[in-house]
Structures are given as structure tokens and as C-alpha cells.
Protein backbone atom coordinates (compact mmCIF):
# COMPACT_ATOMS: atom_id res chain seq x y z
CA GLY A 1 -16.11 36.23 0.77
CA ILE A 2 -14.83 34.70 3.99
CA PRO A 3 -15.67 31.00 4.24
CA ALA A 4 -16.97 29.56 7.50
CA MET A 5 -17.01 25.99 8.77
CA LYS A 6 -19.92 24.71 10.82
CA MET A 7 -18.80 22.70 13.80
CA HIS A 8 -20.31 19.25 14.15
CA LYS A 9 -23.32 19.20 16.46
CA ILE A 10 -22.42 22.30 18.44
CA GLY A 11 -23.74 25.17 16.35
CA LEU A 12 -20.48 27.11 16.31
CA SER A 13 -18.54 28.59 13.40
CA PHE A 14 -15.29 30.41 13.04
CA LEU A 15 -13.68 32.51 10.37
CA LEU A 16 -11.25 31.04 7.88
CA LEU A 17 -9.13 33.74 6.33
CA ALA A 18 -8.90 34.05 2.57
CA ALA A 19 -6.09 32.23 0.82
CA THR A 20 -3.41 33.54 -1.52
CA PRO A 21 -4.32 32.88 -5.18
CA ALA A 22 -2.66 29.76 -6.55
CA MET A 23 -0.14 29.84 -9.33
CA ALA A 24 -2.02 29.54 -12.60
CA THR A 25 -2.28 25.92 -13.66
CA GLY A 26 -1.22 26.67 -17.20
CA SER A 27 2.03 28.21 -16.08
CA THR A 28 3.01 25.52 -13.59
CA GLY A 29 4.39 23.09 -16.14
CA ALA A 30 6.49 25.77 -17.80
CA ALA A 31 7.76 26.99 -14.44
CA ILE A 32 8.82 23.45 -13.50
CA GLU A 33 10.63 22.95 -16.79
CA ASP A 34 12.40 26.28 -16.37
CA LEU A 35 13.53 25.36 -12.86
CA LEU A 36 14.73 21.92 -13.91
CA SER A 37 16.78 23.44 -16.72
CA LYS A 38 18.61 25.63 -14.20
CA MET A 39 19.30 22.93 -11.61
CA THR A 40 22.42 20.82 -11.39
CA LEU A 41 22.17 17.08 -10.83
CA GLU A 42 23.20 17.61 -7.21
CA GLN A 43 20.43 20.16 -6.70
CA LYS A 44 17.84 17.83 -8.21
CA VAL A 45 18.92 14.96 -5.99
CA GLY A 46 18.81 17.33 -3.03
CA GLN A 47 15.11 17.86 -3.72
CA MET A 48 14.59 14.10 -3.36
CA THR A 49 16.34 14.10 0.04
CA GLN A 50 14.47 14.52 3.34
CA VAL A 51 16.23 14.80 6.70
CA ASN A 52 15.06 15.14 10.29
CA LEU A 53 15.33 18.49 12.06
CA GLY A 54 17.92 16.94 14.38
CA VAL A 55 20.38 16.81 11.48
CA VAL A 56 20.71 20.61 11.39
CA ILE A 57 20.32 21.67 15.03
CA ASP A 58 21.96 21.01 18.36
CA ARG A 59 20.37 17.93 19.89
CA ASP A 60 19.49 19.61 23.19
CA ILE A 61 16.59 21.97 22.49
CA LYS A 62 15.19 22.14 26.00
CA GLU A 63 15.62 25.90 26.16
CA LYS A 64 15.82 27.08 22.56
CA VAL A 65 16.20 25.67 19.07
CA VAL A 66 19.78 26.41 18.05
CA PHE A 67 20.98 25.59 14.56
CA ASP A 68 24.44 24.10 14.26
CA PRO A 69 26.23 26.33 11.69
CA ALA A 70 28.29 23.55 10.10
CA LYS A 71 25.46 21.01 9.94
CA PHE A 72 23.00 23.62 8.72
CA SER A 73 25.32 24.79 5.96
CA GLU A 74 25.94 21.23 4.85
CA ALA A 75 22.22 20.51 4.54
CA MET A 76 21.06 23.80 3.07
CA SER A 77 24.02 24.89 0.94
CA ARG A 78 25.95 21.80 -0.06
CA TYR A 79 23.11 19.29 -0.42
CA GLN A 80 20.21 21.78 -0.75
CA VAL A 81 17.76 19.29 0.77
CA GLY A 82 14.22 19.53 -0.46
CA SER A 83 12.43 18.56 2.72
CA ILE A 84 12.79 18.45 6.51
CA LEU A 85 10.48 16.72 8.97
CA ASN A 86 9.31 16.57 12.55
CA SER A 87 10.93 17.86 15.73
CA THR A 88 13.25 16.15 18.15
CA SER A 89 12.94 16.05 21.93
CA ARG A 90 10.03 18.38 22.69
CA ALA A 91 7.07 20.30 21.38
CA LEU A 92 7.72 23.81 20.10
CA THR A 93 5.53 26.88 20.44
CA VAL A 94 4.00 28.34 17.31
CA ASP A 95 6.45 31.23 17.53
CA GLU A 96 9.37 28.78 17.77
CA TRP A 97 8.10 26.97 14.71
CA HIS A 98 7.94 30.26 12.84
CA GLU A 99 11.58 30.94 13.69
CA VAL A 100 12.61 27.42 12.62
CA ILE A 101 10.76 27.73 9.31
CA ARG A 102 12.09 31.24 8.69
CA THR A 103 15.70 30.18 9.29
CA ILE A 104 15.36 27.20 6.96
CA GLN A 105 13.62 29.08 4.17
CA ASP A 106 16.01 32.03 4.38
CA ALA A 107 18.86 29.62 3.70
CA ALA A 108 17.02 27.78 0.91
CA LEU A 109 16.28 31.02 -0.89
CA GLN A 110 19.99 31.89 -0.95
CA ASN A 111 20.60 29.05 -3.38
CA ASN A 112 20.53 29.48 -7.15
CA PRO A 113 17.91 28.72 -8.23
CA PRO A 114 16.05 29.38 -4.96
CA VAL A 115 13.73 26.48 -4.07
CA PRO A 116 11.82 26.55 -0.76
CA VAL A 117 11.87 23.59 1.60
CA LEU A 118 8.76 21.46 2.10
CA TYR A 119 8.41 20.79 5.85
CA GLY A 120 6.46 17.71 6.98
CA ILE A 121 5.06 16.51 10.29
CA ASP A 122 3.06 13.59 11.72
CA ALA A 123 -0.17 15.27 12.83
CA ILE A 124 -2.05 12.01 13.33
CA HIS A 125 -4.77 13.00 15.84
CA GLY A 126 -4.21 16.73 15.98
CA VAL A 127 -0.90 18.52 15.63
CA THR A 128 2.02 16.91 17.43
CA TYR A 129 5.32 18.64 18.35
CA THR A 130 3.37 21.90 18.84
CA LYS A 131 2.52 23.38 22.24
CA GLY A 132 -1.10 24.31 22.73
CA SER A 133 -2.39 22.43 19.69
CA THR A 134 -5.69 20.57 19.88
CA LEU A 135 -5.51 16.81 20.30
CA PHE A 136 -8.42 14.64 19.20
CA PRO A 137 -9.28 10.98 19.73
CA HIS A 138 -7.00 8.60 17.86
CA ASN A 139 -8.26 7.13 14.59
CA ILE A 140 -9.35 3.93 16.32
CA GLY A 141 -11.70 6.03 18.46
CA LEU A 142 -13.02 7.91 15.45
CA ALA A 143 -13.71 4.57 13.77
CA ALA A 144 -15.92 3.73 16.74
CA ALA A 145 -17.79 6.99 16.17
CA ARG A 146 -18.68 5.88 12.61
CA ASN A 147 -18.95 9.50 11.50
CA PRO A 148 -17.15 10.68 8.32
CA ALA A 149 -18.34 14.26 8.81
CA LEU A 150 -16.70 14.34 12.23
CA VAL A 151 -13.43 13.00 10.81
CA GLU A 152 -13.47 15.65 8.09
CA GLN A 153 -13.99 18.45 10.59
CA ILE A 154 -11.17 17.18 12.78
CA ALA A 155 -8.92 17.11 9.70
CA ASP A 156 -10.03 20.70 8.96
CA VAL A 157 -8.85 21.84 12.36
CA THR A 158 -5.64 19.80 12.21
CA ALA A 159 -4.85 21.32 8.82
CA MET A 160 -5.37 24.85 10.11
CA GLU A 161 -3.28 24.36 13.24
CA THR A 162 -0.52 22.66 11.22
CA ARG A 163 -0.43 25.46 8.68
CA ALA A 164 -0.45 28.05 11.46
CA SER A 165 2.99 26.84 12.50
CA GLY A 166 4.29 27.27 8.95
CA ILE A 167 4.18 23.56 8.10
CA ARG A 168 2.24 22.49 4.99
CA TRP A 169 2.63 18.71 4.74
CA ASN A 170 0.95 16.22 7.07
CA PHE A 171 1.82 12.50 7.08
CA ASP A 172 -1.78 11.38 7.51
CA PRO A 173 -4.27 9.64 7.07
CA VAL A 174 -3.24 6.12 8.06
CA LEU A 175 -5.09 3.65 5.80
CA ASP A 176 -3.60 0.48 7.27
CA LEU A 177 -6.15 -2.10 8.41
CA GLY A 178 -5.85 -3.12 12.06
CA ARG A 179 -6.15 -6.89 11.62
CA ASN A 180 -3.33 -8.35 13.71
CA PRO A 181 -4.07 -7.77 17.40
CA LEU A 182 -0.39 -8.28 18.24
CA TRP A 183 0.60 -5.17 16.27
CA SER A 184 1.60 -2.17 18.38
CA ARG A 185 0.16 0.71 16.35
CA PHE A 186 -3.57 0.06 16.35
CA PRO A 187 -4.49 3.58 17.58
CA GLU A 188 -3.33 5.06 14.27
CA THR A 189 -5.72 2.87 12.23
CA PHE A 190 -9.43 3.22 11.57
CA GLY A 191 -9.84 -0.42 12.59
CA GLU A 192 -10.05 -3.68 10.69
CA ASP A 193 -12.77 -2.92 8.16
CA SER A 194 -11.82 -1.86 4.63
CA TYR A 195 -15.07 0.01 3.99
CA ILE A 196 -14.92 2.07 7.20
CA THR A 197 -11.22 2.81 6.63
CA THR A 198 -11.98 3.94 3.08
CA ARG A 199 -14.84 6.22 4.08
CA LEU A 200 -13.03 7.80 7.01
CA GLY A 201 -9.74 8.05 5.11
CA ILE A 202 -11.42 9.95 2.28
CA ALA A 203 -13.10 12.22 4.83
CA ALA A 204 -9.70 13.05 6.35
CA ILE A 205 -8.18 13.79 2.94
CA GLN A 206 -11.07 16.09 2.11
CA GLY A 207 -10.64 17.88 5.41
CA TYR A 208 -6.94 18.42 4.77
CA GLU A 209 -7.10 19.40 1.11
CA LYS A 210 -10.57 20.39 -0.04
CA ASP A 211 -9.96 24.16 0.15
CA GLY A 212 -7.04 23.84 -2.29
CA LEU A 213 -3.43 23.36 -1.24
CA ASP A 214 -2.63 27.06 -1.55
CA ALA A 215 -5.35 27.95 0.98
CA LEU A 216 -4.44 29.04 4.49
CA THR A 217 -6.72 26.26 5.75
CA ALA A 218 -5.06 23.35 3.94
CA VAL A 219 -2.10 21.00 4.06
CA ALA A 220 -0.96 18.26 1.72
CA SER A 221 -2.18 14.90 2.99
CA CYS A 222 -0.20 11.65 2.90
CA MET A 223 -1.94 8.29 2.74
CA LYS A 224 0.08 5.58 4.43
CA HIS A 225 1.58 3.02 4.77
CA TYR A 226 1.27 1.56 1.28
CA VAL A 227 0.48 -1.33 1.67
CA GLY A 228 -0.02 -4.14 4.26
CA TYR A 229 2.08 -2.49 6.96
CA SER A 230 -0.34 -3.29 9.77
CA VAL A 231 -0.51 -7.06 9.45
CA PRO A 232 3.02 -8.35 10.21
CA GLU A 233 3.02 -12.09 10.80
CA ASN A 234 4.72 -11.88 14.20
CA GLY A 235 2.99 -8.65 15.25
CA LYS A 236 6.20 -6.63 15.62
CA ASP A 237 6.38 -3.28 13.88
CA ARG A 238 8.20 -3.19 10.50
CA THR A 239 8.38 -6.96 10.15
CA PRO A 240 7.29 -9.18 7.23
CA ALA A 241 3.69 -9.77 6.24
CA TYR A 242 2.31 -12.62 4.17
CA ILE A 243 -0.89 -11.57 2.40
CA PRO A 244 -2.69 -13.68 -0.22
CA ASP A 245 -3.49 -11.72 -3.37
CA VAL A 246 -7.21 -12.08 -2.82
CA VAL A 247 -6.88 -10.49 0.64
CA LEU A 248 -4.52 -7.79 -0.63
CA TRP A 249 -6.88 -6.75 -3.43
CA GLN A 250 -10.17 -7.16 -1.59
CA HIS A 251 -9.16 -5.52 1.67
CA HIS A 252 -5.80 -3.72 1.84
CA LEU A 253 -5.56 -1.98 -1.55
CA PRO A 254 -9.11 -0.52 -1.90
CA PRO A 255 -8.61 2.27 0.70
CA PHE A 256 -5.50 3.44 -1.17
CA GLU A 257 -7.17 3.31 -4.56
CA ALA A 258 -10.07 5.33 -3.18
CA ALA A 259 -7.66 7.82 -1.59
CA VAL A 260 -5.94 8.33 -4.95
CA LYS A 261 -9.29 9.07 -6.57
CA ALA A 262 -10.11 11.42 -3.68
CA GLY A 263 -7.05 13.49 -4.58
CA ALA A 264 -4.48 12.70 -1.88
CA SER A 265 -1.30 14.58 -2.77
CA THR A 266 1.31 12.19 -1.38
CA ILE A 267 1.80 8.63 -0.24
CA MET A 268 4.21 6.95 2.21
CA ILE A 269 5.46 3.41 1.69
CA ASN A 270 5.24 0.37 3.97
CA SER A 271 8.49 -0.13 5.89
CA ALA A 272 8.21 -3.91 5.81
CA SER A 273 7.95 -6.61 3.17
CA ILE A 274 4.99 -8.42 1.66
CA ASN A 275 5.38 -12.03 0.61
CA GLY A 276 9.16 -11.69 0.67
CA MET A 277 9.41 -8.41 -1.27
CA PRO A 278 10.16 -5.16 0.61
CA ALA A 279 7.58 -2.56 -0.44
CA HIS A 280 10.28 0.06 -1.04
CA ALA A 281 11.85 -2.16 -3.70
CA SER A 282 8.61 -3.28 -5.34
CA LYS A 283 8.21 -1.79 -8.82
CA TYR A 284 5.01 -3.79 -9.05
CA LEU A 285 3.41 -1.94 -6.12
CA LEU A 286 4.97 1.50 -6.59
CA THR A 287 4.79 1.77 -10.38
CA ASP A 288 2.58 -0.89 -11.95
CA VAL A 289 -0.25 -0.70 -9.40
CA LEU A 290 0.04 2.76 -7.83
CA ARG A 291 1.00 4.77 -10.91
CA GLY A 292 -0.37 2.51 -13.63
CA ARG A 293 -3.58 0.97 -12.35
CA PHE A 294 -4.59 3.58 -9.75
CA GLY A 295 -3.33 6.58 -11.73
CA PHE A 296 -1.53 8.27 -8.83
CA LYS A 297 0.39 11.35 -9.94
CA GLY A 298 1.55 12.70 -6.57
CA LEU A 299 4.68 12.38 -4.47
CA VAL A 300 5.90 8.98 -3.25
CA VAL A 301 7.96 9.29 -0.03
CA SER A 302 9.73 6.57 1.91
CA ASP A 303 9.17 5.96 5.59
CA TRP A 304 11.86 6.51 8.21
CA GLU A 305 15.28 5.21 7.10
CA ASP A 306 13.70 2.59 4.87
CA VAL A 307 15.83 2.93 1.75
CA ILE A 308 19.10 1.92 3.39
CA ARG A 309 17.23 -0.84 5.21
CA LEU A 310 16.86 -2.61 1.89
CA HIS A 311 20.52 -3.38 2.56
CA THR A 312 20.80 -3.49 6.33
CA ARG A 313 17.53 -5.26 7.23
CA HIS A 314 15.84 -6.80 4.21
CA ARG A 315 19.16 -7.86 2.62
CA VAL A 316 17.85 -7.55 -0.93
CA ALA A 317 20.53 -4.97 -1.78
CA GLU A 318 24.21 -5.87 -1.55
CA SER A 319 25.17 -2.29 -0.60
CA PRO A 320 23.60 1.05 0.44
CA ARG A 321 24.22 2.29 -3.11
CA GLU A 322 22.31 -0.68 -4.53
CA ALA A 323 19.49 0.02 -2.06
CA VAL A 324 19.09 3.53 -3.48
CA ARG A 325 19.04 2.13 -7.03
CA LEU A 326 16.34 -0.40 -6.17
CA ALA A 327 14.11 2.16 -4.45
CA VAL A 328 14.38 4.82 -7.16
CA GLU A 329 13.84 2.29 -9.95
CA ALA A 330 10.82 0.93 -8.07
CA GLY A 331 9.23 4.39 -8.12
CA LEU A 332 10.34 6.36 -5.05
CA ASP A 333 10.39 10.17 -5.36
CA MET A 334 11.76 11.21 -1.96
CA SER A 335 13.80 9.40 0.68
CA MET A 336 13.17 10.07 4.36
CA VAL A 337 16.83 9.32 4.94
CA PRO A 338 16.63 10.85 7.69
CA HIS A 339 19.92 11.16 9.62
CA ASP A 340 22.49 11.86 6.89
CA PHE A 341 22.99 12.60 3.19
CA SER A 342 23.93 9.11 2.03
CA PHE A 343 20.91 8.83 -0.27
CA ALA A 344 21.97 11.97 -2.14
CA ASP A 345 25.58 10.85 -2.48
CA HIS A 346 24.61 7.44 -3.81
CA LEU A 347 21.98 8.74 -6.22
CA VAL A 348 24.35 11.30 -7.74
CA ASP A 349 26.89 8.51 -8.23
CA LEU A 350 24.27 6.23 -9.79
CA VAL A 351 23.37 8.89 -12.35
CA ARG A 352 26.99 9.79 -13.06
CA SER A 353 27.81 6.13 -13.67
CA GLY A 354 24.82 5.64 -15.97
CA ASP A 355 23.03 3.18 -13.69
CA ILE A 356 20.06 5.53 -13.40
CA PRO A 357 19.19 8.00 -16.19
CA GLU A 358 18.89 11.65 -15.18
CA GLU A 359 15.47 11.71 -16.80
CA ARG A 360 14.29 9.39 -14.05
CA VAL A 361 15.46 11.91 -11.45
CA ASP A 362 13.78 14.72 -13.39
CA ARG A 363 10.41 12.95 -13.14
CA SER A 364 10.56 12.82 -9.36
CA VAL A 365 11.86 16.36 -8.99
CA ALA A 366 9.09 17.68 -11.23
CA ILE A 367 6.52 16.06 -8.92
CA ILE A 368 8.18 17.59 -5.85
CA LEU A 369 8.38 21.05 -7.41
CA ARG A 370 4.76 20.89 -8.52
CA LEU A 371 3.62 20.09 -4.98
CA LYS A 372 5.65 23.00 -3.60
CA MET A 373 4.07 25.32 -6.15
CA GLU A 374 0.57 24.06 -5.40
CA LEU A 375 1.18 24.68 -1.69
CA GLY A 376 2.11 28.29 -2.42
CA LEU A 377 5.66 27.89 -1.12
CA PHE A 378 7.21 29.71 -4.05
CA GLU A 379 4.94 32.69 -3.41
CA ASN A 380 5.44 32.71 0.35
CA PRO A 381 7.54 30.00 2.04
CA TYR A 382 7.10 31.45 5.54
CA ALA A 383 4.38 31.19 8.16
CA GLU A 384 1.35 33.12 6.92
CA PRO A 385 -0.22 35.66 9.33
CA GLY A 386 -3.71 34.70 8.21
CA ALA A 387 -3.05 31.07 9.01
CA VAL A 388 -1.71 31.93 12.47
CA ALA A 389 -5.09 33.43 13.34
CA ASN A 390 -6.62 29.95 12.99
CA PHE A 391 -4.59 28.40 15.82
CA GLY A 392 -6.02 27.40 19.18
CA LEU A 393 -9.59 28.66 18.80
CA PRO A 394 -12.05 27.73 21.60
CA ALA A 395 -14.33 25.92 19.15
CA TYR A 396 -11.62 23.32 18.57
CA LYS A 397 -11.80 22.12 22.18
CA GLU A 398 -15.55 21.74 21.90
CA LEU A 399 -15.11 19.69 18.74
CA ALA A 400 -12.52 17.49 20.52
CA LEU A 401 -14.89 16.96 23.44
CA ASP A 402 -17.75 16.08 21.12
CA ALA A 403 -15.49 13.66 19.23
CA ALA A 404 -14.42 12.01 22.49
CA ARG A 405 -18.04 11.56 23.52
CA GLU A 406 -18.96 10.05 20.14
CA SER A 407 -16.02 7.66 20.25
CA MET A 408 -16.91 6.19 23.63
CA THR A 409 -18.37 2.69 23.40
CA LEU A 410 -20.38 1.23 26.27
CA LEU A 411 -20.32 -2.54 25.95
CA LYS A 412 -22.90 -3.27 28.65
CA ASN A 413 -24.45 -1.15 31.39
CA ARG A 414 -24.63 -4.07 33.80
CA ASP A 415 -27.08 -3.58 36.70
CA GLY A 416 -27.47 0.09 35.77
CA VAL A 417 -24.04 1.04 37.06
CA LEU A 418 -24.20 4.20 34.94
CA PRO A 419 -24.82 6.97 35.62
CA LEU A 420 -22.66 6.87 38.76
CA ALA A 421 -24.34 7.91 41.98
CA LYS A 422 -22.97 11.12 43.49
CA ASP A 423 -22.23 9.33 46.78
CA ALA A 424 -20.68 6.23 45.17
CA ARG A 425 -17.28 4.99 46.33
CA ILE A 426 -15.02 4.23 43.36
CA LEU A 427 -11.76 2.32 43.25
CA LEU A 428 -9.45 3.74 40.58
CA ALA A 429 -6.47 1.46 39.96
CA GLY A 430 -3.74 0.97 37.41
CA PRO A 431 -0.64 2.77 36.09
CA ALA A 432 -2.67 5.20 33.97
CA ALA A 433 -4.69 6.56 36.89
CA MET A 434 -2.49 9.59 37.51
CA ASN A 435 -0.56 9.87 34.24
CA LEU A 436 -1.44 11.78 31.08
CA GLY A 437 0.71 9.91 28.58
CA PRO A 438 -1.29 6.65 28.56
CA LEU A 439 -4.52 8.60 28.00
CA HIS A 440 -3.18 10.18 24.81
CA GLY A 441 -0.78 7.70 23.24
CA SER A 442 1.61 8.26 20.38
CA TRP A 443 1.95 11.53 18.44
CA SER A 444 0.80 13.54 21.47
CA TYR A 445 3.11 16.58 21.52
CA THR A 446 6.00 14.11 21.29
CA TRP A 447 6.50 10.87 19.34
CA GLN A 448 5.32 8.51 22.08
CA GLY A 449 3.33 11.09 24.04
CA ASP A 450 5.16 10.03 27.18
CA LYS A 451 6.50 13.43 28.28
CA GLU A 452 4.10 14.50 31.00
CA GLU A 453 5.37 18.07 31.01
CA ALA A 454 4.31 18.51 27.38
CA TYR A 455 0.58 18.52 28.15
CA PRO A 456 -1.29 21.77 28.88
CA GLU A 457 -1.68 22.57 32.56
CA ASP A 458 -5.46 22.20 32.41
CA THR A 459 -5.24 18.59 31.14
CA LEU A 460 -6.69 16.28 33.78
CA THR A 461 -5.62 12.80 34.79
CA LEU A 462 -8.32 10.19 35.33
CA GLN A 463 -8.00 10.67 39.08
CA GLU A 464 -8.34 14.44 38.82
CA ALA A 465 -11.28 14.21 36.44
CA LEU A 466 -13.19 11.75 38.61
CA VAL A 467 -12.65 13.86 41.72
CA GLU A 468 -13.80 16.96 39.87
């Protein structure tokens, strides 16, 4: 049959096209072992390497995405990278994404053995870097709505529009607790409360993954940033936090433990340090707690450039090579490098020298290959026509409008100022009055959402909306 999803509160439904059958579970382990036996050390390490799209294309993509032949060959043939992420300077159309994915997968399948690339993107409140995608209220707004069902339905739509572009991995949900008001990334959080964050985080994971990762309606979710990222002592992003154990275990860790039990496929690590220990170098957090106590069996990915920062910023590693050793020994499976291939070079050298056993690399690569198989990439690594049909449906805009209405919070209707009288004179002031970027925030078609030209032509500023 063809499943349908009922839209929250608005009595609409739309068709979700049937998914390709998943690879049989019983054969997955054997297929992974067979692949590993055919891969060189360099190929295995390539699977653990993730680079940004800018590494393989010309930087200026204002007119068209053009792959740089030399850079592309280095990434896809020499290093055989396992994953690529995000876009660069602008949002791409769905058709442009299809061409990007096709070019990358064509190259990956020329290798021996052929292993498709896992593409990832930050679709935090709807799909970013994609023209015409549906944007929803940020997580902080959804927390105000107090509605897990709404969060799940938004994740449903985000998953479908992400998959429609050919991308199958979403770096969301954010499970950080917004508890330091100085911190700059509050919109990405579900607020300060551990219980609300847990409930809404699980709802998002279910929306992304509940149909099965091989379905045309699903993407792999990524809980982040494990753990304590959102409470830096000085409020600046990626700076140290000091968290008593009782606070860590009562408040910050429960959402992640619940997300593991809910079946989240991947996890991204906190860029900063906790109590003097960088999270990316913490075997206690990445192995003893996450793998041992919580039982997580999915993929552990670093955040942006955070392995080498064990050397350059945290100063716990005496060299970039030592930084790679610390992160891999702590429990990292994939490094979001993201600008070069230094991680791969150092890890190959570490194995060759005997500092890291190849069996340790095999464990991470097996996890990466399993995820790719579960996502159906080995069966079809390209954009799926059935998934494309789920992009940009009218019902999505109605869901976004309903979510915006639910997220609004009226503190006090003093003197009955609302509803506004039709003949009222209103003073609209401030830098956001006639700009779209401040209304949408980060991850809105571009990283900071500050490119006004990226928004659809029918998007209204506050001034335009009030006049209308």
C-alpha cells in the first residue's frame, strides 16, 4: 500500500511513495566482511574521512557548480573519501543537487571495490542549502509549542525534502540544553529543560527515521553535540564548559541516552571541552559512556575541524598526528576534517607504524558501511525519482504556518492591544523591519541565513506583512 501522513491540525494528507526493499539483515554482516576484505588500508581510512563540498569544486558557484578536475580526482580516486557535506556560498536547486550527487557517486563507483559516498547536510529547521525548501520555526520556537507530534511531522517533511535532493544524512536533532544566555546558538536548542529536550528530540528522530532508513521518506538522524556544548563558561561558541557530574548526569546526558534508545543512527561530538577534557579526546564519554553504558552502535562523527583542534586549540596533542590518534582511540568513527586530507594521511601512518591497530579502523569502517547499506546507497546511490515527488508540496507550507502560530508566545495582552484595530497607526522600528535574514536565522538556505537573495520571492518582511 501507499502510506499517508496526516498533517497536524489541518486535515490534509499527501502520498508517500513506496520505498525500495532494504538489504536483508542477515546478509548485511557478510556483505560488510566481504567489502572489508577487499579494501586496502587507505580505502578504509578514506571511509572515515569527510570533507566539505568546497574541497572538490571551484569556490565560486554563483552560476553553476563546477568540479575542479584535480581536486575532485584527489578526493574521489586517491583518498576515496567516504563522506561529503554541506554546500558553500549559496543554496542549490534540487536539480543542481541531483547533478552534484550524480557526479560524486559516478566517481565513487569507479573505485574497486565501489563504495558510494554518504552525503550529509545541516537541515536544522527545514532543509538548508536548497532552493524552494520549506523552512519551519527554529527548535527554540518548537519548544515553546510544547508539541512532540508537531516536531515529528516537521521532521517527516524535512526528511522527505532532504532525500528529494539525493542527500540521506541530516545533522539533527540538536539535544544541547540552552542554559547559558550568553551562548550564541540558542535557536538550535529545544530550550533549557532536559525533559522537553528529550521528548522533542525523540520526536524528531522518529520523524526522520521511523519509516526505515531505506525508505524514500527517511534520512539518518544525528543527535548532537555530545555533550555539554551549549553551556560554555564565557558564552562563546566552542569554548570550555565546567559541568559538575551531578548536573551532567541529571540534565545533559539524559536526552542523549534517550535518543540512543530511540534509535538515532549517528551522533556528533561537542567541539569544546568539559572540565578540562576536550570531548573529541574523551574515551570516557565516547566509549565508556556512549558505547558501554548507553549501548550506542551507530556512527560517531566529529564536528567541523575538531580533530586537528586537539592540537591547535585545546593543546592536548603535541602534533596533528597525535590529535588523530587521540580522537580515534577515544572512539571517533569519522572525521569532519573538512578542508583537506590530513586526517587520512595521519591515520594511515599511525596504523603503518603500529600506533593504532588496523582492527580498530575496521570497527569504524564496518559501522560506516552498515549505515550506507541501511540507507540503500549500495542499491541506488543517486537521487530517487520517488523521493523527488515529495519535494515542495503545498501541505508543507500549511504545516509551517501552523507551527509558527503554535510557537508564538504572548506574554501579556496589556490593555487589550490585540487584536490590532484596522485603523491603528503602528510604528515599526529596528534593523529587522525590512530584512528577511533576521526573521529566519541560521541554517536558512545558507549557513547564517543572511543572504537576502536566497529567500523565495513570496517571503514577506515584517513591514510588507503588516502592510498586507
